[in-house]
Amino acid sequence: MFDKKPMVVKPWRPDIKFDKQVVDKIPVWIRLMNLDIKYWGQNAVTKIAGMKGNRLKADRATTQKQRLQFARILVKVEPDKMYPDMVMFGNECGVIIEQEVIYEWKPVFCKACGNFGHDIRECRKQLRQDKAREEINKETGNNNTNGYKEKEKPEEQQHNEAKDITPIENGSNKDK
């Protein structure tokens, strides 16, 4: 862990390759808030945590039932998926239980570049593309931000739109 975030470290070898590797699952600590004591057994916690990902382990306070406010479990999750704040499961009587889930950390995944650690608003690749698009728009005289030149409106449509505009004199609309 570094700055309360998981860090992937691989053993060094003389022939190590620095190629970008696909990370399909990452460990994340979750908290099952106010979990009823009857579900604190290993089988029950494994099944409930398994709804969020593959259960790896529980912390010592959870396994020894020292802190009953929440059960803390390490699960492996897919980093580019949604992280719902609630799981639902059926208990032994067939009653549906809604269980609150809190993630101690959620991976931030950028869909523009496919990397972790930032979202699309902070993506350098996306910012470069947006800047290039703005430059192209300036050169072509297009004020549209989507990168495509707007079609010219027919003269009749422009005239009709102009008729719908009410002029304002000196900041107020005066009746004559």
C-alpha atoms as a PDB file:
ATOM      1  CA  MET A   1       0.000   0.000   0.000  1.00  0.00           C
ATOM      2  CA  PHE A   2       1.133   3.510  -0.817  1.00  0.00           C
ATOM      3  CA  ASP A   3      -0.949   6.513   0.223  1.00  0.00           C
ATOM      4  CA  LYS A   4      -3.705   4.025   1.219  1.00  0.00           C
ATOM      5  CA  LYS A   5      -3.877   2.757  -2.369  1.00  0.00           C
ATOM      6  CA  PRO A   6      -2.736  -0.653  -3.578  1.00  0.00           C
ATOM      7  CA  MET A   7       0.453  -0.680  -5.571  1.00  0.00           C
ATOM      8  CA  VAL A   8       1.388  -3.503  -7.914  1.00  0.00           C
ATOM      9  CA  VAL A   9       5.028  -4.535  -7.586  1.00  0.00           C
ATOM     10  CA  LYS A  10       6.675  -7.290  -9.549  1.00  0.00           C
ATOM     11  CA  PRO A  11       9.974  -9.000  -8.758  1.00  0.00           C
ATOM     12  CA  TRP A  12      12.904  -7.733 -10.786  1.00  0.00           C
ATOM     13  CA  ARG A  13      14.678 -10.037 -13.213  1.00  0.00           C
ATOM     14  CA  PRO A  14      17.503  -9.256 -15.632  1.00  0.00           C
ATOM     15  CA  ASP A  15      15.206  -9.973 -18.603  1.00  0.00           C
ATOM     16  CA  ILE A  16      12.252  -7.946 -17.277  1.00  0.00           C
ATOM     17  CA  LYS A  17      10.074  -6.247 -19.897  1.00  0.00           C
ATOM     18  CA  PHE A  18       8.596  -2.850 -19.245  1.00  0.00           C
ATOM     19  CA  ASP A  19       5.603  -3.380 -21.482  1.00  0.00           C
ATOM     20  CA  LYS A  20       2.267  -2.097 -20.299  1.00  0.00           C
ATOM     21  CA  GLN A  21       0.337  -4.987 -18.819  1.00  0.00           C
ATOM     22  CA  VAL A  22      -3.408  -5.333 -18.596  1.00  0.00           C
ATOM     23  CA  VAL A  23      -4.723  -5.287 -15.043  1.00  0.00           C
ATOM     24  CA  ASP A  24      -8.032  -7.090 -14.978  1.00  0.00           C
ATOM     25  CA  LYS A  25      -8.521  -7.435 -11.203  1.00  0.00           C
ATOM     26  CA  ILE A  26      -7.254  -5.362  -8.285  1.00  0.00           C
ATOM     27  CA  PRO A  27      -7.553  -5.757  -4.502  1.00  0.00           C
ATOM     28  CA  VAL A  28      -9.866  -3.319  -2.709  1.00  0.00           C
ATOM     29  CA  TRP A  29     -10.914  -3.272   0.951  1.00  0.00           C
ATOM     30  CA  ILE A  30     -14.681  -3.071   1.470  1.00  0.00           C
ATOM     31  CA  ARG A  31     -16.690  -2.509   4.626  1.00  0.00           C
ATOM     32  CA  LEU A  32     -20.004  -4.236   5.188  1.00  0.00           C
ATOM     33  CA  MET A  33     -21.583  -1.635   7.451  1.00  0.00           C
ATOM     34  CA  ASN A  34     -23.714  -2.749  10.427  1.00  0.00           C
ATOM     35  CA  LEU A  35     -23.651  -6.365   9.276  1.00  0.00           C
ATOM     36  CA  ASP A  36     -25.916  -8.472  11.485  1.00  0.00           C
ATOM     37  CA  ILE A  37     -23.820 -10.682  13.802  1.00  0.00           C
ATOM     38  CA  LYS A  38     -25.422 -13.858  12.447  1.00  0.00           C
ATOM     39  CA  TYR A  39     -23.712 -13.202   9.069  1.00  0.00           C
ATOM     40  CA  TRP A  40     -20.204 -12.836  10.512  1.00  0.00           C
ATOM     41  CA  GLY A  41     -19.296 -16.490   9.925  1.00  0.00           C
ATOM     42  CA  GLN A  42     -16.678 -17.214   7.263  1.00  0.00           C
ATOM     43  CA  ASN A  43     -19.169 -18.801   4.840  1.00  0.00           C
ATOM     44  CA  ALA A  44     -21.705 -15.969   5.092  1.00  0.00           C
ATOM     45  CA  VAL A  45     -19.092 -13.194   4.820  1.00  0.00           C
ATOM     46  CA  THR A  46     -17.507 -14.989   1.846  1.00  0.00           C
ATOM     47  CA  LYS A  47     -20.860 -15.196   0.038  1.00  0.00           C
ATOM     48  CA  ILE A  48     -21.787 -11.562   0.746  1.00  0.00           C
ATOM     49  CA  ALA A  49     -18.333 -10.229  -0.163  1.00  0.00           C
ATOM     50  CA  GLY A  50     -18.361 -12.470  -3.244  1.00  0.00           C
ATOM     51  CA  MET A  51     -21.127 -10.280  -4.673  1.00  0.00           C
ATOM     52  CA  LYS A  52     -18.536  -7.505  -4.953  1.00  0.00           C
ATOM     53  CA  GLY A  53     -15.614  -9.612  -6.145  1.00  0.00           C
ATOM     54  CA  ASN A  54     -13.429 -12.571  -5.240  1.00  0.00           C
ATOM     55  CA  ARG A  55     -12.906 -12.573  -1.467  1.00  0.00           C
ATOM     56  CA  LEU A  56      -9.220 -12.665  -0.558  1.00  0.00           C
ATOM     57  CA  LYS A  57      -9.240 -12.237   3.212  1.00  0.00           C
ATOM     58  CA  ALA A  58     -10.809 -10.467   6.166  1.00  0.00           C
ATOM     59  CA  ASP A  59      -8.942  -8.262   8.592  1.00  0.00           C
ATOM     60  CA  ARG A  60      -8.097  -9.475  12.112  1.00  0.00           C
ATOM     61  CA  ALA A  61     -10.788  -7.368  13.822  1.00  0.00           C
ATOM     62  CA  THR A  62     -13.402  -8.978  11.548  1.00  0.00           C
ATOM     63  CA  THR A  63     -12.232 -12.576  11.981  1.00  0.00           C
ATOM     64  CA  GLN A  64     -11.982 -12.156  15.774  1.00  0.00           C
ATOM     65  CA  LYS A  65     -15.253 -10.141  15.946  1.00  0.00           C
ATOM     66  CA  GLN A  66     -13.547  -7.306  17.831  1.00  0.00           C
ATOM     67  CA  ARG A  67     -15.247  -4.451  15.961  1.00  0.00           C
ATOM     68  CA  LEU A  68     -18.906  -5.027  15.201  1.00  0.00           C
ATOM     69  CA  GLN A  69     -19.681  -1.732  13.401  1.00  0.00           C
ATOM     70  CA  PHE A  70     -18.556  -3.266  10.102  1.00  0.00           C
ATOM     71  CA  ALA A  71     -16.895  -6.315   8.603  1.00  0.00           C
ATOM     72  CA  ARG A  72     -13.779  -5.413   6.615  1.00  0.00           C
ATOM     73  CA  ILE A  73     -12.941  -7.698   3.698  1.00  0.00           C
ATOM     74  CA  LEU A  74     -10.338  -7.556   0.939  1.00  0.00           C
ATOM     75  CA  VAL A  75     -11.855  -8.450  -2.430  1.00  0.00           C
ATOM     76  CA  LYS A  76     -10.521  -8.552  -5.982  1.00  0.00           C
ATOM     77  CA  VAL A  77     -12.640  -6.421  -8.291  1.00  0.00           C
ATOM     78  CA  GLU A  78     -12.608  -5.466 -11.951  1.00  0.00           C
ATOM     79  CA  PRO A  79     -11.261  -1.911 -12.015  1.00  0.00           C
ATOM     80  CA  ASP A  80     -13.413  -0.540 -14.834  1.00  0.00           C
ATOM     81  CA  LYS A  81     -16.783  -1.624 -13.401  1.00  0.00           C
ATOM     82  CA  MET A  82     -19.360   0.236 -11.311  1.00  0.00           C
ATOM     83  CA  TYR A  83     -19.149   0.056  -7.517  1.00  0.00           C
ATOM     84  CA  PRO A  84     -22.662  -0.076  -6.063  1.00  0.00           C
ATOM     85  CA  ASP A  85     -23.113   1.046  -2.465  1.00  0.00           C
ATOM     86  CA  MET A  86     -25.569  -1.757  -1.661  1.00  0.00           C
ATOM     87  CA  VAL A  87     -25.787  -5.526  -2.129  1.00  0.00           C
ATOM     88  CA  MET A  88     -28.937  -7.553  -1.712  1.00  0.00           C
ATOM     89  CA  PHE A  89     -29.120 -11.172  -0.625  1.00  0.00           C
ATOM     90  CA  GLY A  90     -31.741 -13.575   0.634  1.00  0.00           C
ATOM     91  CA  ASN A  91     -31.416 -14.790   4.218  1.00  0.00           C
ATOM     92  CA  GLU A  92     -32.308 -18.242   5.550  1.00  0.00           C
ATOM     93  CA  CYS A  93     -36.013 -17.256   5.798  1.00  0.00           C
ATOM     94  CA  GLY A  94     -36.155 -15.970   2.213  1.00  0.00           C
ATOM     95  CA  VAL A  95     -36.208 -12.326   3.290  1.00  0.00           C
ATOM     96  CA  ILE A  96     -34.241  -9.958   1.067  1.00  0.00           C
ATOM     97  CA  ILE A  97     -31.529  -8.142   3.041  1.00  0.00           C
ATOM     98  CA  GLU A  98     -30.020  -4.891   1.766  1.00  0.00           C
ATOM     99  CA  GLN A  99     -26.411  -4.572   2.926  1.00  0.00           C
ATOM    100  CA  GLU A 100     -24.528  -1.268   2.745  1.00  0.00           C
ATOM    101  CA  VAL A 101     -21.037  -1.504   1.234  1.00  0.00           C
ATOM    102  CA  ILE A 102     -18.332   1.150   1.581  1.00  0.00           C
ATOM    103  CA  TYR A 103     -15.173   1.008  -0.513  1.00  0.00           C
ATOM    104  CA  GLU A 104     -12.075   2.261   1.275  1.00  0.00           C
ATOM    105  CA  TRP A 105     -10.670   3.158  -2.126  1.00  0.00           C
ATOM    106  CA  LYS A 106     -12.110   3.032  -5.625  1.00  0.00           C
ATOM    107  CA  PRO A 107      -9.799   2.761  -8.604  1.00  0.00           C
ATOM    108  CA  VAL A 108     -10.033   5.714 -10.982  1.00  0.00           C
ATOM    109  CA  PHE A 109      -9.979   4.510 -14.572  1.00  0.00           C
ATOM    110  CA  CYS A 110      -9.664   6.732 -17.650  1.00  0.00           C
ATOM    111  CA  LYS A 111     -11.672   5.485 -20.607  1.00  0.00           C
ATOM    112  CA  ALA A 112      -9.814   7.821 -22.984  1.00  0.00           C
ATOM    113  CA  CYS A 113      -6.331   6.348 -22.509  1.00  0.00           C
ATOM    114  CA  GLY A 114      -7.069   3.116 -20.620  1.00  0.00           C
ATOM    115  CA  ASN A 115      -4.850   3.964 -17.625  1.00  0.00           C
ATOM    116  CA  PHE A 116      -5.507   4.161 -13.911  1.00  0.00           C
ATOM    117  CA  GLY A 117      -5.020   7.107 -11.582  1.00  0.00           C
ATOM    118  CA  HIS A 118      -7.046   9.794 -13.345  1.00  0.00           C
ATOM    119  CA  ASP A 119     -10.380  10.262 -15.067  1.00  0.00           C
ATOM    120  CA  ILE A 120     -11.131  11.616 -18.526  1.00  0.00           C
ATOM    121  CA  ARG A 121     -11.293  15.243 -17.292  1.00  0.00           C
ATOM    122  CA  GLU A 122      -7.634  15.042 -16.195  1.00  0.00           C
ATOM    123  CA  CYS A 123      -6.357  12.852 -19.054  1.00  0.00           C
ATOM    124  CA  ARG A 124      -3.344  14.380 -20.822  1.00  0.00           C
ATOM    125  CA  LYS A 125      -4.193  12.468 -24.002  1.00  0.00           C
ATOM    126  CA  GLN A 126      -7.759  13.798 -23.963  1.00  0.00           C
ATOM    127  CA  LEU A 127      -6.576  17.336 -23.188  1.00  0.00           C
ATOM    128  CA  ARG A 128      -4.169  17.187 -26.169  1.00  0.00           C
ATOM    129  CA  GLN A 129      -6.983  15.986 -28.433  1.00  0.00           C
ATOM    130  CA  ASP A 130      -9.298  18.752 -27.179  1.00  0.00           C
ATOM    131  CA  LYS A 131      -6.595  21.371 -27.736  1.00  0.00           C
ATOM    132  CA  ALA A 132      -5.910  20.086 -31.272  1.00  0.00           C
ATOM    133  CA  ARG A 133      -9.656  20.143 -31.995  1.00  0.00           C
ATOM    134  CA  GLU A 134      -9.852  23.768 -30.762  1.00  0.00           C
ATOM    135  CA  GLU A 135      -6.933  24.738 -33.022  1.00  0.00           C
ATOM    136  CA  ILE A 136      -8.627  23.130 -36.017  1.00  0.00           C
ATOM    137  CA  ASN A 137     -11.873  24.933 -35.161  1.00  0.00           C
ATOM    138  CA  LYS A 138     -10.035  28.276 -34.973  1.00  0.00           C
ATOM    139  CA  GLU A 139      -8.372  27.685 -38.332  1.00  0.00           C
ATOM    140  CA  THR A 140     -11.626  26.673 -40.026  1.00  0.00           C
ATOM    141  CA  GLY A 141     -13.691  29.378 -38.308  1.00  0.00           C
ATOM    142  CA  ASN A 142     -15.911  26.799 -36.682  1.00  0.00           C
ATOM    143  CA  ASN A 143     -17.084  27.775 -33.183  1.00  0.00           C
ATOM    144  CA  ASN A 144     -18.636  24.372 -32.630  1.00  0.00           C
ATOM    145  CA  THR A 145     -16.822  22.324 -29.954  1.00  0.00           C
ATOM    146  CA  ASN A 146     -17.616  18.917 -31.440  1.00  0.00           C
ATOM    147  CA  GLY A 147     -15.045  19.313 -34.215  1.00  0.00           C
ATOM    148  CA  TYR A 148     -17.525  19.333 -37.080  1.00  0.00           C
ATOM    149  CA  LYS A 149     -18.401  22.394 -39.118  1.00  0.00           C
ATOM    150  CA  GLU A 150     -22.007  23.483 -38.701  1.00  0.00           C
ATOM    151  CA  LYS A 151     -24.167  23.350 -41.792  1.00  0.00           C
ATOM    152  CA  GLU A 152     -25.225  26.677 -43.227  1.00  0.00           C
ATOM    153  CA  LYS A 153     -28.857  27.493 -42.515  1.00  0.00           C
ATOM    154  CA  PRO A 154     -31.055  28.324 -45.480  1.00  0.00           C
ATOM    155  CA  GLU A 155     -31.673  32.062 -45.905  1.00  0.00           C
ATOM    156  CA  GLU A 156     -35.423  31.642 -45.328  1.00  0.00           C
ATOM    157  CA  GLN A 157     -34.810  29.912 -41.956  1.00  0.00           C
ATOM    158  CA  GLN A 158     -32.448  32.714 -40.875  1.00  0.00           C
ATOM    159  CA  HIS A 159     -35.094  35.301 -41.835  1.00  0.00           C
ATOM    160  CA  ASN A 160     -37.828  33.461 -39.858  1.00  0.00           C
ATOM    161  CA  GLU A 161     -35.592  33.208 -36.796  1.00  0.00           C
ATOM    162  CA  ALA A 162     -34.887  36.944 -36.981  1.00  0.00           C
ATOM    163  CA  LYS A 163     -38.647  37.707 -36.929  1.00  0.00           C
ATOM    164  CA  ASP A 164     -39.016  35.882 -33.588  1.00  0.00           C
ATOM    165  CA  ILE A 165     -36.537  38.214 -31.870  1.00  0.00           C
ATOM    166  CA  THR A 166     -37.992  41.114 -29.897  1.00  0.00           C
ATOM    167  CA  PRO A 167     -35.636  44.117 -29.809  1.00  0.00           C
ATOM    168  CA  ILE A 168     -34.686  45.571 -26.426  1.00  0.00           C
ATOM    169  CA  GLU A 169     -33.803  49.260 -26.191  1.00  0.00           C
ATOM    170  CA  ASN A 170     -31.557  50.607 -23.446  1.00  0.00           C
ATOM    171  CA  GLY A 171     -31.750  47.393 -21.445  1.00  0.00           C
ATOM    172  CA  SER A 172     -35.535  47.294 -21.181  1.00  0.00           C
ATOM    173  CA  ASN A 173     -38.383  46.268 -23.428  1.00  0.00           C
ATOM    174  CA  LYS A 174     -40.493  49.382 -24.006  1.00  0.00           C
ATOM    175  CA  ASP A 175     -44.068  49.275 -25.235  1.00  0.00           C
ATOM    176  CA  LYS A 176     -44.932  51.919 -27.804  1.00  0.00           C
END
